[in-house]
Amino acid sequence: QVQLVESGGGLVQAGGSLRLSCAASGLTFSTTAMAWYRQAPGKQRELVASITTGNSTNYADSVKGRFTISRDNVKNTVYLQMSSLKPDDTAVFSCRATTLRRYSYWGQGTQVTVSS
């Protein structure tokens, strides 16, 4: 049974930082591509950042230079370091795992709220 458990969300002032974690179990993490998505109220879910099994990364234009995605294949965890947070970053952040067989799994999400 695949499980993705996010943590690290919370309330932060604009300009602050947070680090999100997504701990995976029930899959071969080292061969699984990982990504962070977010969904703000009234908006569609959008891709924030992704990381391949070879550690290639991709970012949404809106977060480039502020967010960093990384992975630890020993801890089976993917991270999203967020800096210079803005109120527009307020959203539920979810991690997604995509296996070699293209199966996708989602975590339950963690709320990030940035106050002005």
C-alpha atoms as a PDB file:
ATOM      1  CA  GLN A   1       0.000   0.000   0.000  1.00  0.00           C
ATOM      2  CA  VAL A   2       1.521   3.263  -1.133  1.00  0.00           C
ATOM      3  CA  GLN A   3       1.402   6.141   1.302  1.00  0.00           C
ATOM      4  CA  LEU A   4       2.599   9.697   0.901  1.00  0.00           C
ATOM      5  CA  VAL A   5       2.548  11.818   4.026  1.00  0.00           C
ATOM      6  CA  GLU A   6       3.231  15.534   3.794  1.00  0.00           C
ATOM      7  CA  SER A   7       4.293  17.698   6.695  1.00  0.00           C
ATOM      8  CA  GLY A   8       5.792  21.098   7.366  1.00  0.00           C
ATOM      9  CA  GLY A   9       2.961  23.367   6.354  1.00  0.00           C
ATOM     10  CA  GLY A  10       1.738  26.205   8.494  1.00  0.00           C
ATOM     11  CA  LEU A  11       1.272  29.925   8.834  1.00  0.00           C
ATOM     12  CA  VAL A  12       4.181  32.185   7.950  1.00  0.00           C
ATOM     13  CA  GLN A  13       4.611  35.882   7.311  1.00  0.00           C
ATOM     14  CA  ALA A  14       5.438  37.182   3.875  1.00  0.00           C
ATOM     15  CA  GLY A  15       9.154  36.921   3.249  1.00  0.00           C
ATOM     16  CA  GLY A  16       9.466  33.915   5.500  1.00  0.00           C
ATOM     17  CA  SER A  17      10.458  30.337   4.792  1.00  0.00           C
ATOM     18  CA  LEU A  18       9.043  26.866   5.210  1.00  0.00           C
ATOM     19  CA  ARG A  19      10.265  23.397   4.365  1.00  0.00           C
ATOM     20  CA  LEU A  20       7.737  20.814   3.320  1.00  0.00           C
ATOM     21  CA  SER A  21       8.436  17.103   3.531  1.00  0.00           C
ATOM     22  CA  CYS A  22       6.725  14.180   1.859  1.00  0.00           C
ATOM     23  CA  ALA A  23       7.575  10.765   3.243  1.00  0.00           C
ATOM     24  CA  ALA A  24       6.829   7.869   0.915  1.00  0.00           C
ATOM     25  CA  SER A  25       6.283   4.221   1.705  1.00  0.00           C
ATOM     26  CA  GLY A  26       5.074   1.176  -0.166  1.00  0.00           C
ATOM     27  CA  LEU A  27       7.008   1.946  -3.340  1.00  0.00           C
ATOM     28  CA  THR A  28      10.566   1.871  -4.659  1.00  0.00           C
ATOM     29  CA  PHE A  29      11.374   5.487  -3.971  1.00  0.00           C
ATOM     30  CA  SER A  30      14.669   5.613  -5.859  1.00  0.00           C
ATOM     31  CA  THR A  31      12.913   4.770  -9.144  1.00  0.00           C
ATOM     32  CA  THR A  32       9.955   7.074  -8.547  1.00  0.00           C
ATOM     33  CA  ALA A  33       9.644  10.590  -9.904  1.00  0.00           C
ATOM     34  CA  MET A  34       8.323  13.057  -7.360  1.00  0.00           C
ATOM     35  CA  ALA A  35       6.588  16.382  -7.608  1.00  0.00           C
ATOM     36  CA  TRP A  36       4.909  19.064  -5.551  1.00  0.00           C
ATOM     37  CA  TYR A  37       1.623  20.593  -6.597  1.00  0.00           C
ATOM     38  CA  ARG A  38      -0.483  23.289  -5.007  1.00  0.00           C
ATOM     39  CA  GLN A  39      -4.072  24.387  -5.164  1.00  0.00           C
ATOM     40  CA  ALA A  40      -5.229  27.753  -3.974  1.00  0.00           C
ATOM     41  CA  PRO A  41      -8.890  28.444  -3.169  1.00  0.00           C
ATOM     42  CA  GLY A  42     -10.891  28.865  -6.354  1.00  0.00           C
ATOM     43  CA  LYS A  43      -7.955  27.958  -8.573  1.00  0.00           C
ATOM     44  CA  GLN A  44      -6.835  24.883 -10.444  1.00  0.00           C
ATOM     45  CA  ARG A  45      -4.126  22.682  -9.063  1.00  0.00           C
ATOM     46  CA  GLU A  46      -0.749  23.589 -10.518  1.00  0.00           C
ATOM     47  CA  LEU A  47       2.642  21.944 -10.689  1.00  0.00           C
ATOM     48  CA  VAL A  48       5.121  23.721  -8.438  1.00  0.00           C
ATOM     49  CA  ALA A  49       8.259  21.622  -8.815  1.00  0.00           C
ATOM     50  CA  SER A  50       9.335  18.179  -9.892  1.00  0.00           C
ATOM     51  CA  ILE A  51      12.396  16.000  -9.510  1.00  0.00           C
ATOM     52  CA  THR A  52      13.342  12.946 -11.512  1.00  0.00           C
ATOM     53  CA  THR A  53      15.076   9.811 -10.323  1.00  0.00           C
ATOM     54  CA  GLY A  54      18.270  11.339 -11.690  1.00  0.00           C
ATOM     55  CA  ASN A  55      17.739  14.523  -9.663  1.00  0.00           C
ATOM     56  CA  SER A  56      16.796  16.707 -12.612  1.00  0.00           C
ATOM     57  CA  THR A  57      14.472  19.436 -11.423  1.00  0.00           C
ATOM     58  CA  ASN A  58      11.806  21.617 -12.953  1.00  0.00           C
ATOM     59  CA  TYR A  59       9.996  24.615 -11.469  1.00  0.00           C
ATOM     60  CA  ALA A  60       6.990  26.737 -12.190  1.00  0.00           C
ATOM     61  CA  ASP A  61       8.044  30.208 -13.299  1.00  0.00           C
ATOM     62  CA  SER A  62       6.276  31.707 -10.289  1.00  0.00           C
ATOM     63  CA  VAL A  63       8.576  29.931  -7.821  1.00  0.00           C
ATOM     64  CA  LYS A  64      11.910  29.856  -9.653  1.00  0.00           C
ATOM     65  CA  GLY A  65      14.672  31.219  -7.480  1.00  0.00           C
ATOM     66  CA  ARG A  66      12.543  30.939  -4.335  1.00  0.00           C
ATOM     67  CA  PHE A  67      11.704  27.235  -4.035  1.00  0.00           C
ATOM     68  CA  THR A  68      14.033  24.237  -4.125  1.00  0.00           C
ATOM     69  CA  ILE A  69      12.948  20.632  -4.504  1.00  0.00           C
ATOM     70  CA  SER A  70      15.211  17.833  -3.339  1.00  0.00           C
ATOM     71  CA  ARG A  71      15.018  14.176  -2.482  1.00  0.00           C
ATOM     72  CA  ASP A  72      16.629  11.767  -0.031  1.00  0.00           C
ATOM     73  CA  ASN A  73      16.516   8.218  -1.344  1.00  0.00           C
ATOM     74  CA  VAL A  74      17.656   6.842   2.003  1.00  0.00           C
ATOM     75  CA  LYS A  75      14.823   8.487   3.925  1.00  0.00           C
ATOM     76  CA  ASN A  76      12.345   8.016   1.039  1.00  0.00           C
ATOM     77  CA  THR A  77      11.451  11.657   1.357  1.00  0.00           C
ATOM     78  CA  VAL A  78      11.089  14.581  -1.002  1.00  0.00           C
ATOM     79  CA  TYR A  79      11.418  18.125   0.250  1.00  0.00           C
ATOM     80  CA  LEU A  80      10.303  21.534  -0.884  1.00  0.00           C
ATOM     81  CA  GLN A  81      12.295  24.384   0.601  1.00  0.00           C
ATOM     82  CA  MET A  82      10.305  27.578   0.196  1.00  0.00           C
ATOM     83  CA  SER A  83      11.809  30.994   0.751  1.00  0.00           C
ATOM     84  CA  SER A  84      10.692  34.577   0.193  1.00  0.00           C
ATOM     85  CA  LEU A  85       7.125  33.422   0.546  1.00  0.00           C
ATOM     86  CA  LYS A  86       4.344  35.632  -0.749  1.00  0.00           C
ATOM     87  CA  PRO A  87       0.648  35.742   0.089  1.00  0.00           C
ATOM     88  CA  ASP A  88       0.013  34.356  -3.416  1.00  0.00           C
ATOM     89  CA  ASP A  89       1.801  31.176  -2.325  1.00  0.00           C
ATOM     90  CA  THR A  90      -1.065  30.388   0.036  1.00  0.00           C
ATOM     91  CA  ALA A  91      -2.421  26.985  -0.988  1.00  0.00           C
ATOM     92  CA  VAL A  92      -2.718  23.339  -0.119  1.00  0.00           C
ATOM     93  CA  PHE A  93       0.521  21.703  -1.192  1.00  0.00           C
ATOM     94  CA  SER A  94       0.459  18.032  -2.179  1.00  0.00           C
ATOM     95  CA  CYS A  95       3.131  15.650  -3.285  1.00  0.00           C
ATOM     96  CA  ARG A  96       2.763  13.245  -6.165  1.00  0.00           C
ATOM     97  CA  ALA A  97       4.698  10.083  -6.878  1.00  0.00           C
ATOM     98  CA  THR A  98       4.894   8.614 -10.370  1.00  0.00           C
ATOM     99  CA  THR A  99       6.362   5.134 -10.672  1.00  0.00           C
ATOM    100  CA  LEU A 100       8.221   3.536 -13.556  1.00  0.00           C
ATOM    101  CA  ARG A 101       4.935   1.949 -14.644  1.00  0.00           C
ATOM    102  CA  ARG A 102       3.386   5.440 -14.690  1.00  0.00           C
ATOM    103  CA  TYR A 103       1.149   4.847 -11.700  1.00  0.00           C
ATOM    104  CA  SER A 104       0.562   8.050  -9.760  1.00  0.00           C
ATOM    105  CA  TYR A 105      -0.130   8.481  -6.095  1.00  0.00           C
ATOM    106  CA  TRP A 106      -1.010  11.574  -4.093  1.00  0.00           C
ATOM    107  CA  GLY A 107      -0.573  12.659  -0.534  1.00  0.00           C
ATOM    108  CA  GLN A 108      -3.335  14.238   1.494  1.00  0.00           C
ATOM    109  CA  GLY A 109      -1.858  17.727   1.313  1.00  0.00           C
ATOM    110  CA  THR A 110      -0.588  20.271   3.780  1.00  0.00           C
ATOM    111  CA  GLN A 111      -1.838  23.829   4.139  1.00  0.00           C
ATOM    112  CA  VAL A 112       0.541  26.720   3.632  1.00  0.00           C
ATOM    113  CA  THR A 113      -0.752  30.147   4.554  1.00  0.00           C
ATOM    114  CA  VAL A 114       1.320  33.264   3.971  1.00  0.00           C
ATOM    115  CA  SER A 115       0.145  36.409   5.713  1.00  0.00           C
ATOM    116  CA  SER A 116       0.897  39.883   4.425  1.00  0.00           C
END
